Amino acid sequence: MQLKIARKIAGLTQRQLAHRAHVDPTIISGLERGTRRSASYITLVRLARALNCEPEELFPVALTDAEDSLLDDDEAHHERSETPARRR
C-alpha cells in the first residue's frame, strides 16, 4: 500500500498525518508526489506507526539495477547447475 492510499483510507489530511507522525507536512507531500525520493528510516517508521501499518507496506523496496543484475546472474548459474552435464 502506498502512503497516499493509506492516508486516504485512514481519512487523514497530509497535515493531520504529519501531526500524528511528528514529521513536517512537506515531507509527506513530497513523498506522495514523488518529488522527494527518500526519507530517514525514523520518518518512515513514524509514518507507518501513525497509519497502523509496517513501513514496508507504505514504501516497497525496489532493487537497484546492480542488485537486479546480481540476482539475474545467480538465477542463470542456478539453472545451469540443475542441467545435467553432457557426456562425451
C-alpha atoms as a PDB file:
ATOM      1  CA  MET A   1       0.000   0.000   0.000  1.00  0.00           C
ATOM      2  CA  GLN A   2       1.378   3.411  -0.825  1.00  0.00           C
ATOM      3  CA  LEU A   3       1.476   6.359   1.520  1.00  0.00           C
ATOM      4  CA  LYS A   4      -1.259   8.416  -0.144  1.00  0.00           C
ATOM      5  CA  ILE A   5      -3.642   5.460  -0.337  1.00  0.00           C
ATOM      6  CA  ALA A   6      -3.056   4.529   3.305  1.00  0.00           C
ATOM      7  CA  ARG A   7      -3.522   8.138   4.376  1.00  0.00           C
ATOM      8  CA  LYS A   8      -6.792   8.473   2.489  1.00  0.00           C
ATOM      9  CA  ILE A   9      -8.082   5.155   3.864  1.00  0.00           C
ATOM     10  CA  ALA A  10      -7.310   6.473   7.337  1.00  0.00           C
ATOM     11  CA  GLY A  11      -9.290   9.601   6.494  1.00  0.00           C
ATOM     12  CA  LEU A  12      -6.387  11.938   7.228  1.00  0.00           C
ATOM     13  CA  THR A  13      -5.135  15.056   5.514  1.00  0.00           C
ATOM     14  CA  GLN A  14      -1.411  15.462   4.987  1.00  0.00           C
ATOM     15  CA  ARG A  15      -1.299  17.928   7.867  1.00  0.00           C
ATOM     16  CA  GLN A  16      -3.170  15.576  10.205  1.00  0.00           C
ATOM     17  CA  LEU A  17      -0.823  12.702   9.355  1.00  0.00           C
ATOM     18  CA  ALA A  18       2.188  14.972   9.817  1.00  0.00           C
ATOM     19  CA  HIS A  19       0.919  15.981  13.245  1.00  0.00           C
ATOM     20  CA  ARG A  20       0.310  12.341  14.264  1.00  0.00           C
ATOM     21  CA  ALA A  21       3.686  11.190  12.960  1.00  0.00           C
ATOM     22  CA  HIS A  22       5.626  14.223  14.241  1.00  0.00           C
ATOM     23  CA  VAL A  23       7.051  14.992  10.798  1.00  0.00           C
ATOM     24  CA  ASP A  24       6.959  18.063   8.586  1.00  0.00           C
ATOM     25  CA  PRO A  25       3.957  18.115   6.183  1.00  0.00           C
ATOM     26  CA  THR A  26       6.273  18.938   3.269  1.00  0.00           C
ATOM     27  CA  ILE A  27       7.900  15.513   3.686  1.00  0.00           C
ATOM     28  CA  ILE A  28       4.553  13.768   3.237  1.00  0.00           C
ATOM     29  CA  SER A  29       3.654  15.980   0.283  1.00  0.00           C
ATOM     30  CA  GLY A  30       6.971  15.300  -1.422  1.00  0.00           C
ATOM     31  CA  LEU A  31       6.814  11.535  -0.846  1.00  0.00           C
ATOM     32  CA  GLU A  32       3.268  11.337  -2.198  1.00  0.00           C
ATOM     33  CA  ARG A  33       4.029  13.442  -5.286  1.00  0.00           C
ATOM     34  CA  GLY A  34       7.332  11.710  -5.959  1.00  0.00           C
ATOM     35  CA  THR A  35       9.363  14.907  -5.730  1.00  0.00           C
ATOM     36  CA  ARG A  36      11.037  13.531  -2.620  1.00  0.00           C
ATOM     37  CA  ARG A  37      12.561  10.123  -3.280  1.00  0.00           C
ATOM     38  CA  SER A  38      13.863   9.326   0.197  1.00  0.00           C
ATOM     39  CA  ALA A  39      13.317   9.932   3.884  1.00  0.00           C
ATOM     40  CA  SER A  40      15.073   8.838   7.025  1.00  0.00           C
ATOM     41  CA  TYR A  41      14.240   5.459   8.477  1.00  0.00           C
ATOM     42  CA  ILE A  42      12.756   7.034  11.600  1.00  0.00           C
ATOM     43  CA  THR A  43      10.445   9.173   9.430  1.00  0.00           C
ATOM     44  CA  LEU A  44       9.236   6.079   7.591  1.00  0.00           C
ATOM     45  CA  VAL A  45       8.625   4.283  10.884  1.00  0.00           C
ATOM     46  CA  ARG A  46       6.760   7.277  12.313  1.00  0.00           C
ATOM     47  CA  LEU A  47       4.516   7.477   9.249  1.00  0.00           C
ATOM     48  CA  ALA A  48       3.810   3.755   9.344  1.00  0.00           C
ATOM     49  CA  ARG A  49       3.001   3.793  13.063  1.00  0.00           C
ATOM     50  CA  ALA A  50       0.662   6.763  12.591  1.00  0.00           C
ATOM     51  CA  LEU A  51      -1.152   4.722   9.925  1.00  0.00           C
ATOM     52  CA  ASN A  52      -1.058   1.448  11.918  1.00  0.00           C
ATOM     53  CA  CYS A  53       0.977  -0.486   9.365  1.00  0.00           C
ATOM     54  CA  GLU A  54       4.538  -1.576   8.616  1.00  0.00           C
ATOM     55  CA  PRO A  55       6.971   0.701   6.718  1.00  0.00           C
ATOM     56  CA  GLU A  56       7.349  -1.971   4.028  1.00  0.00           C
ATOM     57  CA  GLU A  57       3.628  -1.695   3.278  1.00  0.00           C
ATOM     58  CA  LEU A  58       3.931   2.014   2.571  1.00  0.00           C
ATOM     59  CA  PHE A  59       7.279   2.015   0.818  1.00  0.00           C
ATOM     60  CA  PRO A  60       8.028  -1.216  -1.073  1.00  0.00           C
ATOM     61  CA  VAL A  61      11.745  -1.655  -1.502  1.00  0.00           C
ATOM     62  CA  ALA A  62      12.846  -1.601  -5.124  1.00  0.00           C
ATOM     63  CA  LEU A  63      16.003  -3.337  -6.246  1.00  0.00           C
ATOM     64  CA  THR A  64      18.726  -1.246  -7.801  1.00  0.00           C
ATOM     65  CA  ASP A  65      19.856  -2.205 -11.289  1.00  0.00           C
ATOM     66  CA  ALA A  66      23.066  -3.657  -9.836  1.00  0.00           C
ATOM     67  CA  GLU A  67      21.154  -5.811  -7.324  1.00  0.00           C
ATOM     68  CA  ASP A  68      18.740  -6.924 -10.042  1.00  0.00           C
ATOM     69  CA  SER A  69      21.683  -7.863 -12.275  1.00  0.00           C
ATOM     70  CA  LEU A  70      23.278  -9.895  -9.482  1.00  0.00           C
ATOM     71  CA  LEU A  71      20.021 -11.798  -8.971  1.00  0.00           C
ATOM     72  CA  ASP A  72      19.777 -12.494 -12.703  1.00  0.00           C
ATOM     73  CA  ASP A  73      23.354 -13.846 -12.719  1.00  0.00           C
ATOM     74  CA  ASP A  74      22.611 -16.026  -9.684  1.00  0.00           C
ATOM     75  CA  GLU A  75      19.427 -17.434 -11.274  1.00  0.00           C
ATOM     76  CA  ALA A  76      21.291 -18.220 -14.512  1.00  0.00           C
ATOM     77  CA  HIS A  77      24.017 -20.015 -12.534  1.00  0.00           C
ATOM     78  CA  HIS A  78      21.375 -21.969 -10.603  1.00  0.00           C
ATOM     79  CA  GLU A  79      19.653 -23.039 -13.838  1.00  0.00           C
ATOM     80  CA  ARG A  80      22.967 -24.191 -15.371  1.00  0.00           C
ATOM     81  CA  SER A  81      23.831 -26.235 -12.297  1.00  0.00           C
ATOM     82  CA  GLU A  82      20.481 -28.041 -12.476  1.00  0.00           C
ATOM     83  CA  THR A  83      21.012 -29.022 -16.124  1.00  0.00           C
ATOM     84  CA  PRO A  84      22.666 -32.456 -16.386  1.00  0.00           C
ATOM     85  CA  ALA A  85      26.145 -32.344 -17.910  1.00  0.00           C
ATOM     86  CA  ARG A  86      26.559 -33.896 -21.336  1.00  0.00           C
ATOM     87  CA  ARG A  87      28.791 -36.928 -21.606  1.00  0.00           C
ATOM     88  CA  ARG A  88      31.223 -37.073 -24.490  1.00  0.00           C
END
